[in-house]
Amino acid sequence: MIYFSVLLAQFLFNVLKVLEIRYTLQHNVPKLLFNSVWINLVSLASTYYSLDELFKGNWVIIMFYITGSVVGKYMGMQIKITEPNKRKKRFNLLEVI
């Protein structure tokens, strides 16, 4: 059960981190703040359960931690987010570079 908890927490953490970057680039502050709360909660759970198992000498937990991270980032990149129809044109440093 702990393995699944760590895998799920890392998966959610990485999906939420990808969404955080997207919301930041869109200047979508309400979604960014709500997302930030969930990132912190999931991060806390993932860190707690992972370290608890590592301190017990269970090194297998590292595989679940990394697997959840990689799969979470991949799935987070697959989520389609539509841009708002009426968006102000702002200076974007990434477009200049």
PDB file of N, CA and C in Angstrom:
ATOM      1  N   MET A   1       0.817  -1.196   0.000  1.00  0.00           N
ATOM      2  CA  MET A   1       0.000   0.000   0.000  1.00  0.00           C
ATOM      3  C   MET A   1       0.865   1.267   0.000  1.00  0.00           C
ATOM      4  N   ILE A   2       1.966   1.222   0.723  1.00  0.00           N
ATOM      5  CA  ILE A   2       2.864   2.369   0.775  1.00  0.00           C
ATOM      6  C   ILE A   2       3.468   2.628  -0.603  1.00  0.00           C
ATOM      7  N   TYR A   3       3.808   1.553  -1.307  1.00  0.00           N
ATOM      8  CA  TYR A   3       4.376   1.716  -2.652  1.00  0.00           C
ATOM      9  C   TYR A   3       3.403   2.454  -3.563  1.00  0.00           C
ATOM     10  N   PHE A   4       2.149   2.030  -3.534  1.00  0.00           N
ATOM     11  CA  PHE A   4       1.135   2.674  -4.364  1.00  0.00           C
ATOM     12  C   PHE A   4       0.933   4.126  -3.949  1.00  0.00           C
ATOM     13  N   SER A   5       0.974   4.405  -2.651  1.00  0.00           N
ATOM     14  CA  SER A   5       0.799   5.780  -2.156  1.00  0.00           C
ATOM     15  C   SER A   5       1.907   6.693  -2.666  1.00  0.00           C
ATOM     16  N   VAL A   6       3.136   6.216  -2.615  1.00  0.00           N
ATOM     17  CA  VAL A   6       4.270   7.013  -3.095  1.00  0.00           C
ATOM     18  C   VAL A   6       4.188   7.200  -4.608  1.00  0.00           C
ATOM     19  N   LEU A   7       3.866   6.128  -5.318  1.00  0.00           N
ATOM     20  CA  LEU A   7       3.729   6.210  -6.773  1.00  0.00           C
ATOM     21  C   LEU A   7       2.651   7.215  -7.156  1.00  0.00           C
ATOM     22  N   LEU A   8       1.490   7.150  -6.510  1.00  0.00           N
ATOM     23  CA  LEU A   8       0.390   8.060  -6.801  1.00  0.00           C
ATOM     24  C   LEU A   8       0.736   9.498  -6.421  1.00  0.00           C
ATOM     25  N   ALA A   9       1.359   9.680  -5.266  1.00  0.00           N
ATOM     26  CA  ALA A   9       1.710  11.032  -4.818  1.00  0.00           C
ATOM     27  C   ALA A   9       2.723  11.664  -5.771  1.00  0.00           C
ATOM     28  N   GLN A  10       3.712  10.917  -6.208  1.00  0.00           N
ATOM     29  CA  GLN A  10       4.697  11.455  -7.154  1.00  0.00           C
ATOM     30  C   GLN A  10       4.066  11.733  -8.512  1.00  0.00           C
ATOM     31  N   PHE A  11       3.175  10.860  -8.935  1.00  0.00           N
ATOM     32  CA  PHE A  11       2.462  11.071 -10.185  1.00  0.00           C
ATOM     33  C   PHE A  11       1.680  12.383 -10.127  1.00  0.00           C
ATOM     34  N   LEU A  12       0.882  12.558  -9.084  1.00  0.00           N
ATOM     35  CA  LEU A  12       0.090  13.780  -8.942  1.00  0.00           C
ATOM     36  C   LEU A  12       0.969  15.014  -8.798  1.00  0.00           C
ATOM     37  N   PHE A  13       2.038  14.898  -8.034  1.00  0.00           N
ATOM     38  CA  PHE A  13       2.936  16.023  -7.838  1.00  0.00           C
ATOM     39  C   PHE A  13       3.487  16.522  -9.181  1.00  0.00           C
ATOM     40  N   ASN A  14       3.922  15.610 -10.023  1.00  0.00           N
ATOM     41  CA  ASN A  14       4.525  16.008 -11.293  1.00  0.00           C
ATOM     42  C   ASN A  14       3.502  16.509 -12.296  1.00  0.00           C
ATOM     43  N   VAL A  15       2.312  15.941 -12.305  1.00  0.00           N
ATOM     44  CA  VAL A  15       1.250  16.472 -13.162  1.00  0.00           C
ATOM     45  C   VAL A  15       0.920  17.899 -12.727  1.00  0.00           C
ATOM     46  N   LEU A  16       0.801  18.104 -11.429  1.00  0.00           N
ATOM     47  CA  LEU A  16       0.479  19.443 -10.917  1.00  0.00           C
ATOM     48  C   LEU A  16       1.608  20.441 -11.182  1.00  0.00           C
ATOM     49  N   LYS A  17       2.854  19.993 -11.134  1.00  0.00           N
ATOM     50  CA  LYS A  17       3.973  20.896 -11.426  1.00  0.00           C
ATOM     51  C   LYS A  17       3.960  21.339 -12.888  1.00  0.00           C
ATOM     52  N   VAL A  18       3.626  20.428 -13.800  1.00  0.00           N
ATOM     53  CA  VAL A  18       3.519  20.796 -15.210  1.00  0.00           C
ATOM     54  C   VAL A  18       2.396  21.809 -15.390  1.00  0.00           C
ATOM     55  N   LEU A  19       1.271  21.573 -14.730  1.00  0.00           N
ATOM     56  CA  LEU A  19       0.155  22.511 -14.820  1.00  0.00           C
ATOM     57  C   LEU A  19       0.526  23.866 -14.214  1.00  0.00           C
ATOM     58  N   GLU A  20       1.317  23.849 -13.152  1.00  0.00           N
ATOM     59  CA  GLU A  20       1.754  25.105 -12.537  1.00  0.00           C
ATOM     60  C   GLU A  20       2.543  25.957 -13.528  1.00  0.00           C
ATOM     61  N   ILE A  21       3.421  25.331 -14.270  1.00  0.00           N
ATOM     62  CA  ILE A  21       4.207  26.065 -15.267  1.00  0.00           C
ATOM     63  C   ILE A  21       3.294  26.641 -16.337  1.00  0.00           C
ATOM     64  N   ARG A  22       2.344  25.854 -16.777  1.00  0.00           N
ATOM     65  CA  ARG A  22       1.420  26.336 -17.802  1.00  0.00           C
ATOM     66  C   ARG A  22       0.565  27.493 -17.295  1.00  0.00           C
ATOM     67  N   TYR A  23       0.036  27.373 -16.082  1.00  0.00           N
ATOM     68  CA  TYR A  23      -0.780  28.455 -15.519  1.00  0.00           C
ATOM     69  C   TYR A  23       0.046  29.717 -15.304  1.00  0.00           C
ATOM     70  N   THR A  24       1.303  29.557 -14.949  1.00  0.00           N
ATOM     71  CA  THR A  24       2.179  30.712 -14.773  1.00  0.00           C
ATOM     72  C   THR A  24       2.377  31.436 -16.096  1.00  0.00           C
ATOM     73  N   LEU A  25       2.622  30.689 -17.147  1.00  0.00           N
ATOM     74  CA  LEU A  25       2.814  31.308 -18.462  1.00  0.00           C
ATOM     75  C   LEU A  25       1.543  31.972 -18.981  1.00  0.00           C
ATOM     76  N   GLN A  26       0.390  31.468 -18.554  1.00  0.00           N
ATOM     77  CA  GLN A  26      -0.889  32.053 -18.972  1.00  0.00           C
ATOM     78  C   GLN A  26      -1.317  33.210 -18.077  1.00  0.00           C
ATOM     79  N   HIS A  27      -0.596  33.462 -17.011  1.00  0.00           N
ATOM     80  CA  HIS A  27      -0.954  34.491 -16.033  1.00  0.00           C
ATOM     81  C   HIS A  27      -2.330  34.210 -15.431  1.00  0.00           C
ATOM     82  N   ASN A  28      -2.627  32.945 -15.190  1.00  0.00           N
ATOM     83  CA  ASN A  28      -3.905  32.528 -14.623  1.00  0.00           C
ATOM     84  C   ASN A  28      -3.721  32.353 -13.115  1.00  0.00           C
ATOM     85  N   VAL A  29      -3.816  33.455 -12.400  1.00  0.00           N
ATOM     86  CA  VAL A  29      -3.497  33.475 -10.970  1.00  0.00           C
ATOM     87  C   VAL A  29      -4.442  32.621 -10.128  1.00  0.00           C
ATOM     88  N   PRO A  30      -5.765  32.667 -10.320  1.00  0.00           N
ATOM     89  CA  PRO A  30      -6.632  31.831  -9.478  1.00  0.00           C
ATOM     90  C   PRO A  30      -6.319  30.335  -9.583  1.00  0.00           C
ATOM     91  N   LYS A  31      -6.146  29.837 -10.807  1.00  0.00           N
ATOM     92  CA  LYS A  31      -5.814  28.424 -10.979  1.00  0.00           C
ATOM     93  C   LYS A  31      -4.426  28.120 -10.427  1.00  0.00           C
ATOM     94  N   LEU A  32      -3.505  29.049 -10.580  1.00  0.00           N
ATOM     95  CA  LEU A  32      -2.147  28.867 -10.086  1.00  0.00           C
ATOM     96  C   LEU A  32      -2.126  28.740  -8.564  1.00  0.00           C
ATOM     97  N   LEU A  33      -2.870  29.581  -7.877  1.00  0.00           N
ATOM     98  CA  LEU A  33      -2.906  29.535  -6.410  1.00  0.00           C
ATOM     99  C   LEU A  33      -3.574  28.261  -5.902  1.00  0.00           C
ATOM    100  N   PHE A  34      -4.688  27.876  -6.520  1.00  0.00           N
ATOM    101  CA  PHE A  34      -5.371  26.644  -6.132  1.00  0.00           C
ATOM    102  C   PHE A  34      -4.474  25.436  -6.371  1.00  0.00           C
ATOM    103  N   ASN A  35      -3.804  25.423  -7.499  1.00  0.00           N
ATOM    104  CA  ASN A  35      -2.891  24.344  -7.843  1.00  0.00           C
ATOM    105  C   ASN A  35      -1.722  24.277  -6.855  1.00  0.00           C
ATOM    106  N   SER A  36      -1.255  25.419  -6.420  1.00  0.00           N
ATOM    107  CA  SER A  36      -0.125  25.479  -5.494  1.00  0.00           C
ATOM    108  C   SER A  36      -0.440  24.800  -4.159  1.00  0.00           C
ATOM    109  N   VAL A  37      -1.662  24.953  -3.696  1.00  0.00           N
ATOM    110  CA  VAL A  37      -2.072  24.297  -2.443  1.00  0.00           C
ATOM    111  C   VAL A  37      -1.964  22.784  -2.596  1.00  0.00           C
ATOM    112  N   TRP A  38      -2.457  22.251  -3.707  1.00  0.00           N
ATOM    113  CA  TRP A  38      -2.424  20.816  -3.934  1.00  0.00           C
ATOM    114  C   TRP A  38      -1.000  20.308  -4.126  1.00  0.00           C
ATOM    115  N   ILE A  39      -0.167  21.094  -4.779  1.00  0.00           N
ATOM    116  CA  ILE A  39       1.231  20.697  -4.948  1.00  0.00           C
ATOM    117  C   ILE A  39       1.897  20.501  -3.590  1.00  0.00           C
ATOM    118  N   ASN A  40       1.684  21.429  -2.694  1.00  0.00           N
ATOM    119  CA  ASN A  40       2.310  21.343  -1.375  1.00  0.00           C
ATOM    120  C   ASN A  40       1.796  20.158  -0.570  1.00  0.00           C
ATOM    121  N   LEU A  41       0.502  19.885  -0.636  1.00  0.00           N
ATOM    122  CA  LEU A  41      -0.055  18.752   0.103  1.00  0.00           C
ATOM    123  C   LEU A  41       0.466  17.420  -0.428  1.00  0.00           C
ATOM    124  N   VAL A  42       0.481  17.276  -1.733  1.00  0.00           N
ATOM    125  CA  VAL A  42       0.953  16.031  -2.341  1.00  0.00           C
ATOM    126  C   VAL A  42       2.448  15.859  -2.115  1.00  0.00           C
ATOM    127  N   SER A  43       3.194  16.939  -2.205  1.00  0.00           N
ATOM    128  CA  SER A  43       4.633  16.881  -1.959  1.00  0.00           C
ATOM    129  C   SER A  43       4.941  16.438  -0.537  1.00  0.00           C
ATOM    130  N   LEU A  44       4.199  16.966   0.397  1.00  0.00           N
ATOM    131  CA  LEU A  44       4.390  16.595   1.799  1.00  0.00           C
ATOM    132  C   LEU A  44       4.138  15.101   2.011  1.00  0.00           C
ATOM    133  N   ALA A  45       3.055  14.591   1.434  1.00  0.00           N
ATOM    134  CA  ALA A  45       2.731  13.169   1.582  1.00  0.00           C
ATOM    135  C   ALA A  45       3.804  12.298   0.929  1.00  0.00           C
ATOM    136  N   SER A  46       4.211  12.660  -0.266  1.00  0.00           N
ATOM    137  CA  SER A  46       5.216  11.879  -0.983  1.00  0.00           C
ATOM    138  C   SER A  46       6.532  11.842  -0.218  1.00  0.00           C
ATOM    139  N   THR A  47       6.954  12.979   0.269  1.00  0.00           N
ATOM    140  CA  THR A  47       8.216  13.056   1.005  1.00  0.00           C
ATOM    141  C   THR A  47       8.145  12.260   2.307  1.00  0.00           C
ATOM    142  N   TYR A  48       7.050  12.399   3.028  1.00  0.00           N
ATOM    143  CA  TYR A  48       6.902  11.703   4.304  1.00  0.00           C
ATOM    144  C   TYR A  48       6.985  10.187   4.131  1.00  0.00           C
ATOM    145  N   TYR A  49       6.160   9.654   3.228  1.00  0.00           N
ATOM    146  CA  TYR A  49       6.123   8.198   3.057  1.00  0.00           C
ATOM    147  C   TYR A  49       7.425   7.659   2.466  1.00  0.00           C
ATOM    148  N   SER A  50       8.040   8.397   1.581  1.00  0.00           N
ATOM    149  CA  SER A  50       9.301   7.945   0.990  1.00  0.00           C
ATOM    150  C   SER A  50      10.412   7.900   2.028  1.00  0.00           C
ATOM    151  N   LEU A  51      10.548   8.982   2.781  1.00  0.00           N
ATOM    152  CA  LEU A  51      11.603   9.010   3.796  1.00  0.00           C
ATOM    153  C   LEU A  51      11.353   8.006   4.909  1.00  0.00           C
ATOM    154  N   ASP A  52      10.101   7.823   5.282  1.00  0.00           N
ATOM    155  CA  ASP A  52       9.771   6.848   6.313  1.00  0.00           C
ATOM    156  C   ASP A  52      10.234   5.450   5.898  1.00  0.00           C
ATOM    157  N   GLU A  53       9.983   5.089   4.657  1.00  0.00           N
ATOM    158  CA  GLU A  53      10.414   3.782   4.161  1.00  0.00           C
ATOM    159  C   GLU A  53      11.931   3.694   4.024  1.00  0.00           C
ATOM    160  N   LEU A  54      12.559   4.776   3.575  1.00  0.00           N
ATOM    161  CA  LEU A  54      14.021   4.759   3.449  1.00  0.00           C
ATOM    162  C   LEU A  54      14.699   4.600   4.809  1.00  0.00           C
ATOM    163  N   PHE A  55      14.162   5.263   5.824  1.00  0.00           N
ATOM    164  CA  PHE A  55      14.739   5.138   7.169  1.00  0.00           C
ATOM    165  C   PHE A  55      14.568   3.724   7.723  1.00  0.00           C
ATOM    166  N   LYS A  56      13.580   3.003   7.235  1.00  0.00           N
ATOM    167  CA  LYS A  56      13.376   1.605   7.634  1.00  0.00           C
ATOM    168  C   LYS A  56      14.271   0.657   6.834  1.00  0.00           C
ATOM    169  N   GLY A  57      15.011   1.198   5.864  1.00  0.00           N
ATOM    170  CA  GLY A  57      15.913   0.382   5.067  1.00  0.00           C
ATOM    171  C   GLY A  57      15.286  -0.179   3.804  1.00  0.00           C
ATOM    172  N   ASN A  58      14.120   0.317   3.432  1.00  0.00           N
ATOM    173  CA  ASN A  58      13.428  -0.166   2.241  1.00  0.00           C
ATOM    174  C   ASN A  58      13.841   0.681   1.033  1.00  0.00           C
ATOM    175  N   TRP A  59      14.826   0.195   0.302  1.00  0.00           N
ATOM    176  CA  TRP A  59      15.356   0.942  -0.842  1.00  0.00           C
ATOM    177  C   TRP A  59      14.516   0.752  -2.101  1.00  0.00           C
ATOM    178  N   VAL A  60      13.612  -0.200  -2.105  1.00  0.00           N
ATOM    179  CA  VAL A  60      12.754  -0.453  -3.264  1.00  0.00           C
ATOM    180  C   VAL A  60      11.824   0.734  -3.517  1.00  0.00           C
ATOM    181  N   ILE A  61      11.526   1.482  -2.484  1.00  0.00           N
ATOM    182  CA  ILE A  61      10.615   2.627  -2.599  1.00  0.00           C
ATOM    183  C   ILE A  61      11.139   3.649  -3.602  1.00  0.00           C
ATOM    184  N   ILE A  62      12.448   3.692  -3.800  1.00  0.00           N
ATOM    185  CA  ILE A  62      13.045   4.642  -4.740  1.00  0.00           C
ATOM    186  C   ILE A  62      12.540   4.389  -6.157  1.00  0.00           C
ATOM    187  N   MET A  63      12.361   3.131  -6.531  1.00  0.00           N
ATOM    188  CA  MET A  63      11.864   2.813  -7.874  1.00  0.00           C
ATOM    189  C   MET A  63      10.445   3.353  -8.077  1.00  0.00           C
ATOM    190  N   PHE A  64       9.618   3.244  -7.055  1.00  0.00           N
ATOM    191  CA  PHE A  64       8.247   3.737  -7.163  1.00  0.00           C
ATOM    192  C   PHE A  64       8.218   5.269  -7.189  1.00  0.00           C
ATOM    193  N   TYR A  65       9.114   5.874  -6.442  1.00  0.00           N
ATOM    194  CA  TYR A  65       9.223   7.328  -6.416  1.00  0.00           C
ATOM    195  C   TYR A  65       9.602   7.859  -7.804  1.00  0.00           C
ATOM    196  N   ILE A  66      10.620   7.273  -8.400  1.00  0.00           N
ATOM    197  CA  ILE A  66      11.094   7.714  -9.714  1.00  0.00           C
ATOM    198  C   ILE A  66      10.078   7.383 -10.805  1.00  0.00           C
ATOM    199  N   THR A  67       9.480   6.203 -10.747  1.00  0.00           N
ATOM    200  CA  THR A  67       8.488   5.816 -11.748  1.00  0.00           C
ATOM    201  C   THR A  67       7.296   6.766 -11.727  1.00  0.00           C
ATOM    202  N   GLY A  68       6.807   7.089 -10.544  1.00  0.00           N
ATOM    203  CA  GLY A  68       5.697   8.036 -10.434  1.00  0.00           C
ATOM    204  C   GLY A  68       6.062   9.398 -10.983  1.00  0.00           C
ATOM    205  N   SER A  69       7.285   9.803 -10.775  1.00  0.00           N
ATOM    206  CA  SER A  69       7.751  11.095 -11.265  1.00  0.00           C
ATOM    207  C   SER A  69       7.799  11.138 -12.788  1.00  0.00           C
ATOM    208  N   VAL A  70       8.388  10.129 -13.379  1.00  0.00           N
ATOM    209  CA  VAL A  70       8.538  10.102 -14.836  1.00  0.00           C
ATOM    210  C   VAL A  70       7.175   9.997 -15.521  1.00  0.00           C
ATOM    211  N   VAL A  71       6.339   9.091 -15.055  1.00  0.00           N
ATOM    212  CA  VAL A  71       5.021   8.915 -15.664  1.00  0.00           C
ATOM    213  C   VAL A  71       4.166  10.165 -15.451  1.00  0.00           C
ATOM    214  N   GLY A  72       4.279  10.792 -14.287  1.00  0.00           N
ATOM    215  CA  GLY A  72       3.525  12.010 -14.012  1.00  0.00           C
ATOM    216  C   GLY A  72       3.901  13.152 -14.937  1.00  0.00           C
ATOM    217  N   LYS A  73       5.185  13.309 -15.187  1.00  0.00           N
ATOM    218  CA  LYS A  73       5.611  14.370 -16.109  1.00  0.00           C
ATOM    219  C   LYS A  73       5.130  14.094 -17.523  1.00  0.00           C
ATOM    220  N   TYR A  74       5.219  12.849 -17.939  1.00  0.00           N
ATOM    221  CA  TYR A  74       4.758  12.502 -19.278  1.00  0.00           C
ATOM    222  C   TYR A  74       3.256  12.766 -19.422  1.00  0.00           C
ATOM    223  N   MET A  75       2.485  12.317 -18.456  1.00  0.00           N
ATOM    224  CA  MET A  75       1.033  12.505 -18.524  1.00  0.00           C
ATOM    225  C   MET A  75       0.664  13.984 -18.405  1.00  0.00           C
ATOM    226  N   GLY A  76       1.392  14.725 -17.596  1.00  0.00           N
ATOM    227  CA  GLY A  76       1.134  16.153 -17.468  1.00  0.00           C
ATOM    228  C   GLY A  76       1.336  16.891 -18.773  1.00  0.00           C
ATOM    229  N   MET A  77       2.305  16.448 -19.557  1.00  0.00           N
ATOM    230  CA  MET A  77       2.554  17.083 -20.857  1.00  0.00           C
ATOM    231  C   MET A  77       1.478  16.730 -21.877  1.00  0.00           C
ATOM    232  N   GLN A  78       0.723  15.667 -21.638  1.00  0.00           N
ATOM    233  CA  GLN A  78      -0.319  15.248 -22.570  1.00  0.00           C
ATOM    234  C   GLN A  78      -1.636  16.001 -22.353  1.00  0.00           C
ATOM    235  N   ILE A  79      -1.777  16.697 -21.243  1.00  0.00           N
ATOM    236  CA  ILE A  79      -3.017  17.418 -20.931  1.00  0.00           C
ATOM    237  C   ILE A  79      -3.123  18.644 -21.821  1.00  0.00           C
ATOM    238  N   LYS A  80      -4.244  18.778 -22.494  1.00  0.00           N
ATOM    239  CA  LYS A  80      -4.489  19.939 -23.354  1.00  0.00           C
ATOM    240  C   LYS A  80      -5.126  21.043 -22.514  1.00  0.00           C
ATOM    241  N   ILE A  81      -4.561  22.226 -22.606  1.00  0.00           N
ATOM    242  CA  ILE A  81      -5.124  23.396 -21.933  1.00  0.00           C
ATOM    243  C   ILE A  81      -5.371  24.435 -23.002  1.00  0.00           C
ATOM    244  N   THR A  82      -6.600  24.858 -23.112  1.00  0.00           N
ATOM    245  CA  THR A  82      -6.928  25.866 -24.120  1.00  0.00           C
ATOM    246  C   THR A  82      -6.645  27.246 -23.567  1.00  0.00           C
ATOM    247  N   GLU A  83      -6.195  28.103 -24.427  1.00  0.00           N
ATOM    248  CA  GLU A  83      -5.932  29.497 -24.052  1.00  0.00           C
ATOM    249  C   GLU A  83      -7.252  30.248 -23.946  1.00  0.00           C
ATOM    250  N   PRO A  84      -7.347  31.202 -23.045  1.00  0.00           N
ATOM    251  CA  PRO A  84      -8.542  32.045 -23.006  1.00  0.00           C
ATOM    252  C   PRO A  84      -8.686  32.804 -24.328  1.00  0.00           C
ATOM    253  N   ASN A  85      -9.930  33.009 -24.772  1.00  0.00           N
ATOM    254  CA  ASN A  85     -10.175  33.691 -26.044  1.00  0.00           C
ATOM    255  C   ASN A  85      -9.677  35.121 -26.047  1.00  0.00           C
ATOM    256  N   LYS A  86      -9.918  35.831 -24.987  1.00  0.00           N
ATOM    257  CA  LYS A  86      -9.521  37.235 -24.922  1.00  0.00           C
ATOM    258  C   LYS A  86      -8.336  37.372 -23.974  1.00  0.00           C
ATOM    259  N   ARG A  87      -7.175  37.308 -24.543  1.00  0.00           N
ATOM    260  CA  ARG A  87      -5.958  37.434 -23.747  1.00  0.00           C
ATOM    261  C   ARG A  87      -5.189  38.645 -24.236  1.00  0.00           C
ATOM    262  N   LYS A  88      -4.773  39.456 -23.299  1.00  0.00           N
ATOM    263  CA  LYS A  88      -3.984  40.625 -23.664  1.00  0.00           C
ATOM    264  C   LYS A  88      -2.633  40.185 -24.199  1.00  0.00           C
ATOM    265  N   LYS A  89      -2.197  40.869 -25.214  1.00  0.00           N
ATOM    266  CA  LYS A  89      -0.872  40.589 -25.750  1.00  0.00           C
ATOM    267  C   LYS A  89       0.151  41.241 -24.832  1.00  0.00           C
ATOM    268  N   ARG A  90       0.958  40.429 -24.207  1.00  0.00           N
ATOM    269  CA  ARG A  90       1.977  40.911 -23.292  1.00  0.00           C
ATOM    270  C   ARG A  90       3.342  40.545 -23.824  1.00  0.00           C
ATOM    271  N   PHE A  91       4.324  41.237 -23.295  1.00  0.00           N
ATOM    272  CA  PHE A  91       5.711  40.932 -23.655  1.00  0.00           C
ATOM    273  C   PHE A  91       6.046  39.546 -23.095  1.00  0.00           C
ATOM    274  N   ASN A  92       6.562  38.697 -23.942  1.00  0.00           N
ATOM    275  CA  ASN A  92       6.938  37.352 -23.531  1.00  0.00           C
ATOM    276  C   ASN A  92       8.400  37.140 -23.881  1.00  0.00           C
ATOM    277  N   LEU A  93       9.225  37.044 -22.877  1.00  0.00           N
ATOM    278  CA  LEU A  93      10.654  36.877 -23.069  1.00  0.00           C
ATOM    279  C   LEU A  93      10.978  35.612 -23.844  1.00  0.00           C
ATOM    280  N   LEU A  94      10.160  34.565 -23.662  1.00  0.00           N
ATOM    281  CA  LEU A  94      10.425  33.316 -24.369  1.00  0.00           C
ATOM    282  C   LEU A  94      10.240  33.455 -25.875  1.00  0.00           C
ATOM    283  N   GLU A  95       9.372  34.371 -26.311  1.00  0.00           N
ATOM    284  CA  GLU A  95       9.174  34.576 -27.745  1.00  0.00           C
ATOM    285  C   GLU A  95      10.343  35.353 -28.345  1.00  0.00           C
ATOM    286  N   VAL A  96      11.002  36.149 -27.548  1.00  0.00           N
ATOM    287  CA  VAL A  96      12.106  36.989 -28.029  1.00  0.00           C
ATOM    288  C   VAL A  96      13.366  36.156 -28.223  1.00  0.00           C
ATOM    289  N   ILE A  97      13.576  35.218 -27.331  1.00  0.00           N
ATOM    290  CA  ILE A  97      14.812  34.422 -27.341  1.00  0.00           C
ATOM    291  C   ILE A  97      14.851  33.484 -28.496  1.00  0.00           C
TER     292      ILE A  97
END
